[in-house]
Every structure is written in C-alpha cells, then in structure tokens.
Amino acid sequence: MLLLVRHGRTDANAQGLLLGRADPPLSAEGRHQAAALGASIPAGARVIASPLRRTVETAEAFGRPVEVDERWIELDYGDLDGIALRDVPADVWREWRADPAFVPPGGESLVSLGSRVRAACIDLLEEVREHDVVVVSHVSPIKAAIAWALGAGDELAWRLFVQVASIARIGVDQWGPSLRSFNELAG
C-alpha cells in the first residue's frame, strides 16, 4: 500500500498562505498532528519525505528512518509563494484553473509537477504491491499522485481538497493502482 501523508500544520497554513518552497517548521499543533499520525503508520513501512522541513519533521515523528526524495516537493508557486490565497489576482486564478500548463511567474506548472510525481509513483509501483511505503508530502504532489492512481489528468488538482495531516491510501494489484481512501485523519 502507498500511504500519502500531508504534513502537519504550519503557521503559514493556519494563515491561509500559499506555501510552496518556503520552508517553515511545523507549528505546535502540527507537531501534535504528526505524533498522532504515527499511530496510523504500519510497522515496518518505508518512510519517504519531501526535502522541506515540514514534511521531514512530520515523518520523523513516526520514529523510523526517513528517506528524502526531491520529486515529492511542493509545487513551486514562484512569486506567489507566501501570499494569502485571497490576494491572488482573480485573473491569475481563472487562468491557472483553466490551464494545468499555466506557470505562475517564477514558478512551476501543474503539468510539470504531475510529471515528476507520476515518475516517483511508477518507481514505487512494484514495491507497494508487496510492502507499505509512506510518503510525507504536500497538497499538490498528493493530488498529482491521486490523479495518477485514478488515471486522470493534472486538471484534477483543482477538484480535490487535501486536509492537513491527512492520509490517502493507494493500493496496487494486478490491474494497477486504485484509490482506497482519502483524507483520513488520525485520532
């Protein structure tokens, strides 16, 4: 089983800021969420995290070795990183939601993110048929991995809401990947 874990809360999340490549630590609540998530992680599971502090701190709370894989890093929001969602200009939102190839100034497109996340998922495909792998990541890569499992395109990102400190499970059988659960919360 592939378990996709969204990191615990940060102060930036709580403030409604776009949080891409900025690297804040978990808040006190986020550390509590990470500890609670640990009880949901199968014994013996391999644990992988994005290189950003909030994912590594979440993964370390599981008490197991953590591997870092750059492909699971959050979408690069470029010049929009760190601004409040409500402050993104309406015309930018319209274009971004209409075109997954849209690149915010200085950032990365959903198509680019989807490509790197699908490659990471494919690399784990055979392993997750037999063993549990936990990936601690961010909202956009988790959406891209779910799109991969569902055989959907990158435009699916705008149709999903991924809760902070939640788990999505993707199983793999002889027919390929399938979404088994979404937005599970610990405790």
Protein backbone atom coordinates (compact mmCIF):
# COMPACT_ATOMS: atom_id res chain seq x y z
CA MET A 1 0.00 0.00 0.00
CA LEU A 2 1.16 3.53 -0.77
CA LEU A 3 0.21 5.91 2.04
CA LEU A 4 0.31 9.58 1.09
CA VAL A 5 0.54 11.77 4.19
CA ARG A 6 0.11 15.52 4.08
CA HIS A 7 2.41 17.20 6.60
CA GLY A 8 1.13 18.71 9.84
CA ARG A 9 0.03 22.32 10.17
CA THR A 10 2.41 25.26 9.96
CA ASP A 11 1.66 28.82 10.98
CA ALA A 12 1.58 29.72 7.26
CA ASN A 13 -1.12 27.07 6.62
CA ALA A 14 -3.15 28.44 9.50
CA GLN A 15 -2.92 31.95 7.99
CA GLY A 16 -4.16 30.78 4.57
CA LEU A 17 -0.89 31.50 2.76
CA LEU A 18 0.29 29.78 -0.41
CA LEU A 19 3.09 27.62 0.90
CA GLY A 20 5.25 26.19 -1.85
CA ARG A 21 9.01 26.10 -1.47
CA ALA A 22 9.10 28.29 1.65
CA ASP A 23 10.42 26.17 4.50
CA PRO A 24 8.71 26.95 7.81
CA PRO A 25 8.69 24.42 10.65
CA LEU A 26 5.59 22.72 11.97
CA SER A 27 3.55 24.69 14.50
CA ALA A 28 2.86 23.22 17.95
CA GLU A 29 -0.43 21.89 16.55
CA GLY A 30 1.43 20.45 13.57
CA ARG A 31 3.83 18.57 15.84
CA HIS A 32 0.84 17.16 17.74
CA GLN A 33 -0.78 16.10 14.44
CA ALA A 34 2.46 14.44 13.30
CA ALA A 35 2.68 12.44 16.53
CA ALA A 36 -0.96 11.35 16.14
CA LEU A 37 -0.33 10.27 12.54
CA GLY A 38 2.43 7.96 13.76
CA ALA A 39 -0.16 5.57 15.19
CA SER A 40 -1.62 5.10 11.67
CA ILE A 41 1.69 4.18 10.06
CA PRO A 42 2.11 0.43 9.52
CA ALA A 43 5.00 -1.24 11.33
CA GLY A 44 7.95 -1.81 9.03
CA ALA A 45 6.80 0.70 6.41
CA ARG A 46 9.41 2.53 4.40
CA VAL A 47 9.12 6.30 5.02
CA ILE A 48 9.92 8.88 2.32
CA ALA A 49 9.57 12.66 2.66
CA SER A 50 9.87 15.76 0.56
CA PRO A 51 13.05 17.71 1.43
CA LEU A 52 11.12 20.55 3.10
CA ARG A 53 11.26 20.87 6.88
CA ARG A 54 7.52 20.49 7.49
CA THR A 55 7.44 17.08 5.79
CA VAL A 56 10.68 15.84 7.33
CA GLU A 57 9.50 16.88 10.83
CA THR A 58 6.20 15.08 10.25
CA ALA A 59 7.96 11.93 9.02
CA GLU A 60 10.48 11.97 11.88
CA ALA A 61 7.59 11.89 14.36
CA PHE A 62 6.90 8.32 13.17
CA GLY A 63 10.12 7.15 14.84
CA ARG A 64 11.54 5.45 11.75
CA PRO A 65 14.34 6.23 9.31
CA VAL A 66 13.31 8.87 6.77
CA GLU A 67 14.50 8.96 3.16
CA VAL A 68 14.22 12.22 1.20
CA ASP A 69 13.02 12.27 -2.40
CA GLU A 70 13.08 15.67 -4.14
CA ARG A 71 10.27 14.66 -6.51
CA TRP A 72 7.75 14.94 -3.65
CA ILE A 73 8.49 18.65 -3.01
CA GLU A 74 5.56 21.07 -3.17
CA LEU A 75 4.60 22.97 -6.31
CA ASP A 76 6.82 25.99 -6.89
CA TYR A 77 4.44 28.95 -6.63
CA GLY A 78 7.23 31.31 -7.69
CA ASP A 79 6.37 34.95 -6.99
CA LEU A 80 3.09 33.87 -5.36
CA ASP A 81 4.79 31.84 -2.61
CA GLY A 82 3.88 33.17 0.80
CA ILE A 83 0.96 35.38 -0.21
CA ALA A 84 -2.56 34.92 1.09
CA LEU A 85 -4.86 32.92 -1.16
CA ARG A 86 -7.35 35.81 -1.12
CA ASP A 87 -4.65 38.12 -2.54
CA VAL A 88 -4.03 36.09 -5.71
CA PRO A 89 -5.49 38.20 -8.53
CA ALA A 90 -8.77 36.84 -9.92
CA ASP A 91 -7.42 36.74 -13.49
CA VAL A 92 -4.45 34.61 -12.34
CA TRP A 93 -6.82 32.16 -10.58
CA ARG A 94 -9.00 31.90 -13.71
CA GLU A 95 -6.05 31.17 -15.98
CA TRP A 96 -4.44 28.77 -13.51
CA ARG A 97 -7.66 26.78 -13.01
CA ALA A 98 -8.36 26.67 -16.75
CA ASP A 99 -4.91 25.53 -17.86
CA PRO A 100 -2.79 22.97 -15.97
CA ALA A 101 0.20 24.09 -18.08
CA PHE A 102 -0.06 27.62 -16.62
CA VAL A 103 3.15 28.68 -14.87
CA PRO A 104 2.88 31.35 -12.17
CA PRO A 105 5.67 33.93 -12.55
CA GLY A 106 8.91 32.27 -11.46
CA GLY A 107 7.09 29.03 -10.61
CA GLU A 108 6.11 25.63 -11.93
CA SER A 109 3.07 24.26 -13.75
CA LEU A 110 0.77 21.51 -12.53
CA VAL A 111 1.80 19.56 -15.63
CA SER A 112 5.46 19.70 -14.60
CA LEU A 113 4.65 18.69 -11.03
CA GLY A 114 2.40 15.88 -12.29
CA SER A 115 5.19 14.52 -14.46
CA ARG A 116 7.71 14.28 -11.62
CA VAL A 117 5.17 12.82 -9.17
CA ARG A 118 3.97 10.19 -11.68
CA ALA A 119 7.63 9.17 -12.17
CA ALA A 120 8.03 8.82 -8.39
CA CYS A 121 4.83 6.74 -8.19
CA ILE A 122 5.92 4.48 -11.04
CA ASP A 123 9.27 3.93 -9.30
CA LEU A 124 7.36 2.72 -6.20
CA LEU A 125 4.79 0.65 -8.08
CA GLU A 126 6.31 -2.81 -7.67
CA GLU A 127 7.37 -2.20 -4.07
CA VAL A 128 3.90 -1.13 -2.94
CA ARG A 129 2.38 -4.32 -4.35
CA GLU A 130 4.11 -6.19 -1.51
CA HIS A 131 5.17 -3.63 1.12
CA ASP A 132 3.82 -0.47 2.70
CA VAL A 133 5.50 2.78 1.67
CA VAL A 134 4.65 6.07 3.36
CA VAL A 135 5.30 9.32 1.50
CA VAL A 136 5.04 12.52 3.54
CA SER A 137 4.43 15.33 1.12
CA HIS A 138 2.30 18.37 0.32
CA VAL A 139 -1.11 19.15 -1.08
CA SER A 140 -0.15 19.40 -4.78
CA PRO A 141 2.03 16.27 -5.05
CA ILE A 142 -0.63 14.27 -3.18
CA LYS A 143 -3.26 15.48 -5.64
CA ALA A 144 -0.96 14.51 -8.54
CA ALA A 145 -0.43 11.01 -7.08
CA ILE A 146 -4.18 10.57 -6.70
CA ALA A 147 -4.68 11.70 -10.31
CA TRP A 148 -2.09 9.06 -11.32
CA ALA A 149 -3.95 6.35 -9.38
CA LEU A 150 -7.26 7.36 -10.96
CA GLY A 151 -5.84 7.64 -14.47
CA ALA A 152 -6.89 11.30 -14.53
CA GLY A 153 -5.14 14.40 -15.84
CA ASP A 154 -3.44 17.20 -13.96
CA GLU A 155 -6.60 19.31 -14.06
CA LEU A 156 -7.97 17.07 -11.29
CA ALA A 157 -5.86 19.08 -8.83
CA TRP A 158 -8.49 21.82 -8.71
CA ARG A 159 -11.22 19.31 -7.84
CA LEU A 160 -9.60 17.89 -4.68
CA PHE A 161 -9.20 19.24 -1.17
CA VAL A 162 -6.43 17.58 0.86
CA GLN A 163 -6.75 18.09 4.60
CA VAL A 164 -3.65 18.99 6.62
CA ALA A 165 -2.25 15.92 8.45
CA SER A 166 -4.38 13.52 6.43
CA ILE A 167 -3.69 10.17 4.80
CA ALA A 168 -4.70 8.90 1.36
CA ARG A 169 -4.14 5.24 0.54
CA ILE A 170 -3.39 3.85 -2.90
CA GLY A 171 -3.39 0.11 -3.35
CA VAL A 172 -1.79 -1.69 -6.26
CA ASP A 173 -2.96 -5.03 -7.58
CA GLN A 174 -2.66 -6.90 -10.88
CA TRP A 175 -4.80 -4.22 -12.59
CA GLY A 176 -2.69 -1.34 -11.35
CA PRO A 177 -3.21 1.43 -8.78
CA SER A 178 -6.52 2.36 -7.18
CA LEU A 179 -7.50 4.93 -4.58
CA ARG A 180 -8.54 3.09 -1.41
CA SER A 181 -9.11 6.01 0.98
CA PHE A 182 -8.82 9.78 1.03
CA ASN A 183 -8.47 12.45 3.74
CA GLU A 184 -8.23 10.04 6.67
CA LEU A 185 -7.49 11.91 9.89
CA ALA A 186 -5.61 10.36 12.83
CA GLY A 187 -7.17 10.01 16.26
